PDB file of N, CA and C in Angstrom:
ATOM      1  N   MET A   1    -102.384 -64.517-115.365  1.00  0.00           N
ATOM      2  CA  MET A   1    -103.040 -63.250-115.501  1.00  0.00           C
ATOM      3  C   MET A   1    -102.500 -62.247-114.475  1.00  0.00           C
ATOM      4  N   ARG A   2    -101.999 -62.732-113.364  1.00  0.00           N
ATOM      5  CA  ARG A   2    -101.543 -61.860-112.282  1.00  0.00           C
ATOM      6  C   ARG A   2    -100.480 -60.859-112.744  1.00  0.00           C
ATOM      7  N   GLN A   3     -99.625 -61.263-113.690  1.00  0.00           N
ATOM      8  CA  GLN A   3     -98.565 -60.360-114.134  1.00  0.00           C
ATOM      9  C   GLN A   3     -99.108 -59.170-114.922  1.00  0.00           C
ATOM     10  N   HIS A   4    -100.368 -59.232-115.357  1.00  0.00           N
ATOM     11  CA  HIS A   4    -100.967 -58.146-116.131  1.00  0.00           C
ATOM     12  C   HIS A   4    -101.800 -57.196-115.276  1.00  0.00           C
ATOM     13  N   ILE A   5    -101.953 -57.487-113.989  1.00  0.00           N
ATOM     14  CA  ILE A   5    -102.832 -56.683-113.141  1.00  0.00           C
ATOM     15  C   ILE A   5    -102.000 -55.837-112.182  1.00  0.00           C
ATOM     16  N   THR A   6    -102.209 -54.543-112.239  1.00  0.00           N
ATOM     17  CA  THR A   6    -101.560 -53.618-111.320  1.00  0.00           C
ATOM     18  C   THR A   6    -102.642 -52.775-110.665  1.00  0.00           C
ATOM     19  N   PRO A   7    -102.818 -52.902-109.360  1.00  0.00           N
ATOM     20  CA  PRO A   7    -103.855 -52.101-108.706  1.00  0.00           C
ATOM     21  C   PRO A   7    -103.459 -50.627-108.640  1.00  0.00           C
ATOM     22  N   ILE A   8    -104.441 -49.771-108.786  1.00  0.00           N
ATOM     23  CA  ILE A   8    -104.257 -48.337-108.611  1.00  0.00           C
ATOM     24  C   ILE A   8    -104.915 -47.990-107.285  1.00  0.00           C
ATOM     25  N   LEU A   9    -104.111 -47.720-106.266  1.00  0.00           N
ATOM     26  CA  LEU A   9    -104.657 -47.370-104.961  1.00  0.00           C
ATOM     27  C   LEU A   9    -105.185 -45.943-105.011  1.00  0.00           C
ATOM     28  N   ILE A  10    -106.381 -45.757-104.483  1.00  0.00           N
ATOM     29  CA  ILE A  10    -107.050 -44.461-104.559  1.00  0.00           C
ATOM     30  C   ILE A  10    -107.099 -43.820-103.179  1.00  0.00           C
ATOM     31  N   ASN A  11    -106.700 -42.553-103.133  1.00  0.00           N
ATOM     32  CA  ASN A  11    -106.869 -41.750-101.921  1.00  0.00           C
ATOM     33  C   ASN A  11    -107.265 -40.341-102.357  1.00  0.00           C
ATOM     34  N   ARG A  12    -107.344 -39.429-101.419  1.00  0.00           N
ATOM     35  CA  ARG A  12    -107.800 -38.063-101.742  1.00  0.00           C
ATOM     36  C   ARG A  12    -106.891 -37.348-102.743  1.00  0.00           C
ATOM     37  N   GLU A  13    -105.630 -37.712-102.788  1.00  0.00           N
ATOM     38  CA  GLU A  13    -104.682 -37.050-103.687  1.00  0.00           C
ATOM     39  C   GLU A  13    -104.577 -37.720-105.056  1.00  0.00           C
ATOM     40  N   THR A  14    -105.208 -38.863-105.251  1.00  0.00           N
ATOM     41  CA  THR A  14    -105.094 -39.600-106.507  1.00  0.00           C
ATOM     42  C   THR A  14    -105.756 -38.829-107.642  1.00  0.00           C
ATOM     43  N   ASP A  15    -105.008 -38.606-108.709  1.00  0.00           N
ATOM     44  CA  ASP A  15    -105.532 -37.951-109.905  1.00  0.00           C
ATOM     45  C   ASP A  15    -105.938 -39.049-110.885  1.00  0.00           C
ATOM     46  N   LEU A  16    -107.210 -39.442-110.848  1.00  0.00           N
ATOM     47  CA  LEU A  16    -107.669 -40.553-111.684  1.00  0.00           C
ATOM     48  C   LEU A  16    -107.527 -40.263-113.173  1.00  0.00           C
ATOM     49  N   VAL A  17    -107.591 -39.008-113.571  1.00  0.00           N
ATOM     50  CA  VAL A  17    -107.439 -38.660-114.981  1.00  0.00           C
ATOM     51  C   VAL A  17    -106.077 -39.119-115.495  1.00  0.00           C
ATOM     52  N   GLN A  18    -105.082 -39.123-114.638  1.00  0.00           N
ATOM     53  CA  GLN A  18    -103.735 -39.561-115.008  1.00  0.00           C
ATOM     54  C   GLN A  18    -103.700 -41.063-115.308  1.00  0.00           C
ATOM     55  N   PHE A  19    -104.544 -41.851-114.643  1.00  0.00           N
ATOM     56  CA  PHE A  19    -104.489 -43.306-114.763  1.00  0.00           C
ATOM     57  C   PHE A  19    -105.518 -43.896-115.726  1.00  0.00           C
ATOM     58  N   LEU A  20    -106.732 -43.352-115.751  1.00  0.00           N
ATOM     59  CA  LEU A  20    -107.818 -43.959-116.524  1.00  0.00           C
ATOM     60  C   LEU A  20    -107.616 -43.758-118.017  1.00  0.00           C
ATOM     61  N   LYS A  21    -107.937 -44.804-118.785  1.00  0.00           N
ATOM     62  CA  LYS A  21    -107.772 -44.776-120.234  1.00  0.00           C
ATOM     63  C   LYS A  21    -109.127 -45.006-120.891  1.00  0.00           C
ATOM     64  N   ASP A  22    -109.353 -44.357-122.026  1.00  0.00           N
ATOM     65  CA  ASP A  22    -110.585 -44.566-122.785  1.00  0.00           C
ATOM     66  C   ASP A  22    -110.656 -46.009-123.264  1.00  0.00           C
ATOM     67  N   ASP A  23    -111.866 -46.531-123.356  1.00  0.00           N
ATOM     68  CA  ASP A  23    -112.135 -47.875-123.887  1.00  0.00           C
ATOM     69  C   ASP A  23    -111.533 -49.000-123.054  1.00  0.00           C
ATOM     70  N   TYR A  24    -111.194 -48.755-121.805  1.00  0.00           N
ATOM     71  CA  TYR A  24    -110.716 -49.795-120.901  1.00  0.00           C
ATOM     72  C   TYR A  24    -111.779 -50.060-119.848  1.00  0.00           C
ATOM     73  N   THR A  25    -111.748 -51.253-119.296  1.00  0.00           N
ATOM     74  CA  THR A  25    -112.682 -51.625-118.242  1.00  0.00           C
ATOM     75  C   THR A  25    -111.919 -51.715-116.927  1.00  0.00           C
ATOM     76  N   TYR A  26    -112.532 -51.217-115.870  1.00  0.00           N
ATOM     77  CA  TYR A  26    -111.909 -51.223-114.549  1.00  0.00           C
ATOM     78  C   TYR A  26    -112.841 -51.877-113.540  1.00  0.00           C
ATOM     79  N   LEU A  27    -112.262 -52.533-112.568  1.00  0.00           N
ATOM     80  CA  LEU A  27    -113.000 -53.110-111.453  1.00  0.00           C
ATOM     81  C   LEU A  27    -112.645 -52.297-110.217  1.00  0.00           C
ATOM     82  N   ALA A  28    -113.660 -51.732-109.556  1.00  0.00           N
ATOM     83  CA  ALA A  28    -113.432 -50.982-108.321  1.00  0.00           C
ATOM     84  C   ALA A  28    -113.444 -51.964-107.155  1.00  0.00           C
ATOM     85  N   VAL A  29    -112.486 -51.809-106.242  1.00  0.00           N
ATOM     86  CA  VAL A  29    -112.324 -52.732-105.122  1.00  0.00           C
ATOM     87  C   VAL A  29    -112.334 -51.947-103.812  1.00  0.00           C
ATOM     88  N   GLU A  30    -113.110 -52.428-102.854  1.00  0.00           N
ATOM     89  CA  GLU A  30    -113.109 -51.859-101.509  1.00  0.00           C
ATOM     90  C   GLU A  30    -112.297 -52.798-100.623  1.00  0.00           C
ATOM     91  N   ILE A  31    -111.290 -52.258 -99.942  1.00  0.00           N
ATOM     92  CA  ILE A  31    -110.403 -53.054 -99.096  1.00  0.00           C
ATOM     93  C   ILE A  31    -110.667 -52.661 -97.648  1.00  0.00           C
ATOM     94  N   ILE A  32    -111.134 -53.615 -96.854  1.00  0.00           N
ATOM     95  CA  ILE A  32    -111.475 -53.340 -95.460  1.00  0.00           C
ATOM     96  C   ILE A  32    -110.510 -54.101 -94.559  1.00  0.00           C
ATOM     97  N   ARG A  33    -109.834 -53.366 -93.695  1.00  0.00           N
ATOM     98  CA  ARG A  33    -108.944 -53.954 -92.682  1.00  0.00           C
ATOM     99  C   ARG A  33    -109.304 -53.313 -91.350  1.00  0.00           C
ATOM    100  N   GLY A  34    -110.020 -54.051 -90.534  1.00  0.00           N
ATOM    101  CA  GLY A  34    -110.477 -53.492 -89.260  1.00  0.00           C
ATOM    102  C   GLY A  34    -111.416 -52.328 -89.509  1.00  0.00           C
ATOM    103  N   ASP A  35    -111.070 -51.165 -88.976  1.00  0.00           N
ATOM    104  CA  ASP A  35    -111.883 -49.964 -89.155  1.00  0.00           C
ATOM    105  C   ASP A  35    -111.442 -49.123 -90.352  1.00  0.00           C
ATOM    106  N   THR A  36    -110.396 -49.553 -91.039  1.00  0.00           N
ATOM    107  CA  THR A  36    -109.852 -48.790 -92.163  1.00  0.00           C
ATOM    108  C   THR A  36    -110.425 -49.301 -93.477  1.00  0.00           C
ATOM    109  N   ILE A  37    -110.896 -48.382 -94.307  1.00  0.00           N
ATOM    110  CA  ILE A  37    -111.414 -48.729 -95.627  1.00  0.00           C
ATOM    111  C   ILE A  37    -110.576 -48.000 -96.671  1.00  0.00           C
ATOM    112  N   ASN A  38    -110.060 -48.751 -97.642  1.00  0.00           N
ATOM    113  CA  ASN A  38    -109.309 -48.191 -98.759  1.00  0.00           C
ATOM    114  C   ASN A  38    -109.971 -48.638-100.051  1.00  0.00           C
ATOM    115  N   TYR A  39    -109.636 -47.947-101.133  1.00  0.00           N
ATOM    116  CA  TYR A  39    -110.203 -48.273-102.432  1.00  0.00           C
ATOM    117  C   TYR A  39    -109.087 -48.409-103.453  1.00  0.00           C
ATOM    118  N   ALA A  40    -109.345 -49.246-104.458  1.00  0.00           N
ATOM    119  CA  ALA A  40    -108.388 -49.434-105.544  1.00  0.00           C
ATOM    120  C   ALA A  40    -109.157 -49.696-106.831  1.00  0.00           C
ATOM    121  N   LEU A  41    -108.496 -49.464-107.941  1.00  0.00           N
ATOM    122  CA  LEU A  41    -109.031 -49.820-109.248  1.00  0.00           C
ATOM    123  C   LEU A  41    -108.118 -50.869-109.855  1.00  0.00           C
ATOM    124  N   LEU A  42    -108.715 -51.843-110.518  1.00  0.00           N
ATOM    125  CA  LEU A  42    -107.957 -52.851-111.258  1.00  0.00           C
ATOM    126  C   LEU A  42    -108.335 -52.722-112.724  1.00  0.00           C
ATOM    127  N   GLU A  43    -107.343 -52.525-113.559  1.00  0.00           N
ATOM    128  CA  GLU A  43    -107.599 -52.479-114.996  1.00  0.00           C
ATOM    129  C   GLU A  43    -107.774 -53.914-115.485  1.00  0.00           C
ATOM    130  N   ILE A  44    -108.863 -54.179-116.176  1.00  0.00           N
ATOM    131  CA  ILE A  44    -109.096 -55.510-116.738  1.00  0.00           C
ATOM    132  C   ILE A  44    -108.260 -55.605-118.016  1.00  0.00           C
ATOM    133  N   PRO A  45    -107.266 -56.495-118.059  1.00  0.00           N
ATOM    134  CA  PRO A  45    -106.313 -56.532-119.174  1.00  0.00           C
ATOM    135  C   PRO A  45    -106.836 -57.287-120.394  1.00  0.00           C
ATOM    136  N   SER A  46    -107.986 -56.881-120.914  1.00  0.00           N
ATOM    137  CA  SER A  46    -108.601 -57.614-122.022  1.00  0.00           C
ATOM    138  C   SER A  46    -107.788 -57.525-123.309  1.00  0.00           C
ATOM    139  N   ASP A  47    -106.853 -56.587-123.405  1.00  0.00           N
ATOM    140  CA  ASP A  47    -106.007 -56.503-124.592  1.00  0.00           C
ATOM    141  C   ASP A  47    -104.783 -57.413-124.494  1.00  0.00           C
ATOM    142  N   LYS A  48    -104.533 -58.013-123.301  1.00  0.00           N
ATOM    143  CA  LYS A  48    -103.347 -58.848-123.094  1.00  0.00           C
ATOM    144  C   LYS A  48    -103.664 -60.322-122.870  1.00  0.00           C
ATOM    145  N   VAL A  49    -104.850 -60.611-122.383  1.00  0.00           N
ATOM    146  CA  VAL A  49    -105.246 -61.993-122.116  1.00  0.00           C
ATOM    147  C   VAL A  49    -106.636 -62.225-122.698  1.00  0.00           C
ATOM    148  N   PRO A  50    -106.946 -63.474-123.053  1.00  0.00           N
ATOM    149  CA  PRO A  50    -108.271 -63.754-123.595  1.00  0.00           C
ATOM    150  C   PRO A  50    -109.351 -63.576-122.533  1.00  0.00           C
ATOM    151  N   ARG A  51    -110.569 -63.388-122.999  1.00  0.00           N
ATOM    152  CA  ARG A  51    -111.689 -63.204-122.069  1.00  0.00           C
ATOM    153  C   ARG A  51    -111.948 -64.465-121.260  1.00  0.00           C
ATOM    154  N   PHE A  52    -111.761 -65.637-121.857  1.00  0.00           N
ATOM    155  CA  PHE A  52    -111.961 -66.899-121.158  1.00  0.00           C
ATOM    156  C   PHE A  52    -110.605 -67.486-120.800  1.00  0.00           C
ATOM    157  N   VAL A  53    -110.462 -67.939-119.557  1.00  0.00           N
ATOM    158  CA  VAL A  53    -109.204 -68.486-119.058  1.00  0.00           C
ATOM    159  C   VAL A  53    -109.453 -69.912-118.606  1.00  0.00           C
ATOM    160  N   ASN A  54    -108.619 -70.847-119.063  1.00  0.00           N
ATOM    161  CA  ASN A  54    -108.764 -72.234-118.641  1.00  0.00           C
ATOM    162  C   ASN A  54    -108.424 -72.387-117.169  1.00  0.00           C
ATOM    163  N   SER A  55    -109.137 -73.280-116.512  1.00  0.00           N
ATOM    164  CA  SER A  55    -108.901 -73.547-115.092  1.00  0.00           C
ATOM    165  C   SER A  55    -107.657 -74.412-114.927  1.00  0.00           C
ATOM    166  N   ALA A  56    -107.353 -74.784-113.699  1.00  0.00           N
ATOM    167  CA  ALA A  56    -106.184 -75.606-113.392  1.00  0.00           C
ATOM    168  C   ALA A  56    -106.224 -76.920-114.175  1.00  0.00           C
ATOM    169  N   ALA A  57    -105.062 -77.524-114.351  1.00  0.00           N
ATOM    170  CA  ALA A  57    -104.950 -78.781-115.090  1.00  0.00           C
ATOM    171  C   ALA A  57    -105.909 -79.825-114.544  1.00  0.00           C
ATOM    172  N   GLY A  58    -106.618 -80.489-115.447  1.00  0.00           N
ATOM    173  CA  GLY A  58    -107.548 -81.532-115.046  1.00  0.00           C
ATOM    174  C   GLY A  58    -108.956 -81.026-114.783  1.00  0.00           C
ATOM    175  N   ASP A  59    -109.123 -79.755-114.586  1.00  0.00           N
ATOM    176  CA  ASP A  59    -110.442 -79.167-114.353  1.00  0.00           C
ATOM    177  C   ASP A  59    -110.987 -78.721-115.704  1.00  0.00           C
ATOM    178  N   THR A  60    -112.218 -79.047-115.996  1.00  0.00           N
ATOM    179  CA  THR A  60    -112.780 -78.729-117.305  1.00  0.00           C
ATOM    180  C   THR A  60    -113.579 -77.432-117.319  1.00  0.00           C
ATOM    181  N   ALA A  61    -113.710 -76.782-116.183  1.00  0.00           N
ATOM    182  CA  ALA A  61    -114.477 -75.534-116.123  1.00  0.00           C
ATOM    183  C   ALA A  61    -113.663 -74.381-116.693  1.00  0.00           C
ATOM    184  N   GLN A  62    -114.366 -73.369-117.184  1.00  0.00           N
ATOM    185  CA  GLN A  62    -113.717 -72.149-117.648  1.00  0.00           C
ATOM    186  C   GLN A  62    -114.246 -70.981-116.837  1.00  0.00           C
ATOM    187  N   THR A  63    -113.410 -69.988-116.679  1.00  0.00           N
ATOM    188  CA  THR A  63    -113.790 -68.778-115.963  1.00  0.00           C
ATOM    189  C   THR A  63    -113.573 -67.593-116.881  1.00  0.00           C
ATOM    190  N   GLN A  64    -114.522 -66.678-116.900  1.00  0.00           N
ATOM    191  CA  GLN A  64    -114.332 -65.461-117.665  1.00  0.00           C
ATOM    192  C   GLN A  64    -113.353 -64.570-116.919  1.00  0.00           C
ATOM    193  N   ALA A  65    -112.433 -63.952-117.647  1.00  0.00           N
ATOM    194  CA  ALA A  65    -111.448 -63.077-117.011  1.00  0.00           C
ATOM    195  C   ALA A  65    -112.118 -61.894-116.332  1.00  0.00           C
ATOM    196  N   ASP A  66    -113.303 -61.498-116.802  1.00  0.00           N
ATOM    197  CA  ASP A  66    -113.995 -60.365-116.201  1.00  0.00           C
ATOM    198  C   ASP A  66    -115.095 -60.807-115.247  1.00  0.00           C
ATOM    199  N   ASP A  67    -115.069 -62.076-114.807  1.00  0.00           N
ATOM    200  CA  ASP A  67    -116.053 -62.606-113.866  1.00  0.00           C
ATOM    201  C   ASP A  67    -115.603 -62.291-112.450  1.00  0.00           C
ATOM    202  N   PRO A  68    -116.319 -61.433-111.720  1.00  0.00           N
ATOM    203  CA  PRO A  68    -115.872 -61.059-110.380  1.00  0.00           C
ATOM    204  C   PRO A  68    -115.882 -62.199-109.376  1.00  0.00           C
ATOM    205  N   LEU A  69    -116.610 -63.268-109.659  1.00  0.00           N
ATOM    206  CA  LEU A  69    -116.669 -64.397-108.735  1.00  0.00           C
ATOM    207  C   LEU A  69    -115.721 -65.514-109.126  1.00  0.00           C
ATOM    208  N   GLY A  70    -115.078 -65.398-110.275  1.00  0.00           N
ATOM    209  CA  GLY A  70    -114.248 -66.469-110.795  1.00  0.00           C
ATOM    210  C   GLY A  70    -112.913 -66.468-110.305  1.00  0.00           C
TER     211      GLY A  70
END
């Protein structure tokens, strides 16, 4: 799934209208490094990968691609 995810780093100059697409789902991410806080958006690639993703070989659990804890 990693090859389908490209973070959009957000700052004061970011024109979100240029990046955001209708009917897509995004995950907002807060990145904290020491005293610095940055933000990014991750497009959920539901058109490229299935909603459910099999876990590592031998593991029988499944994780939803849109599960923030998975």
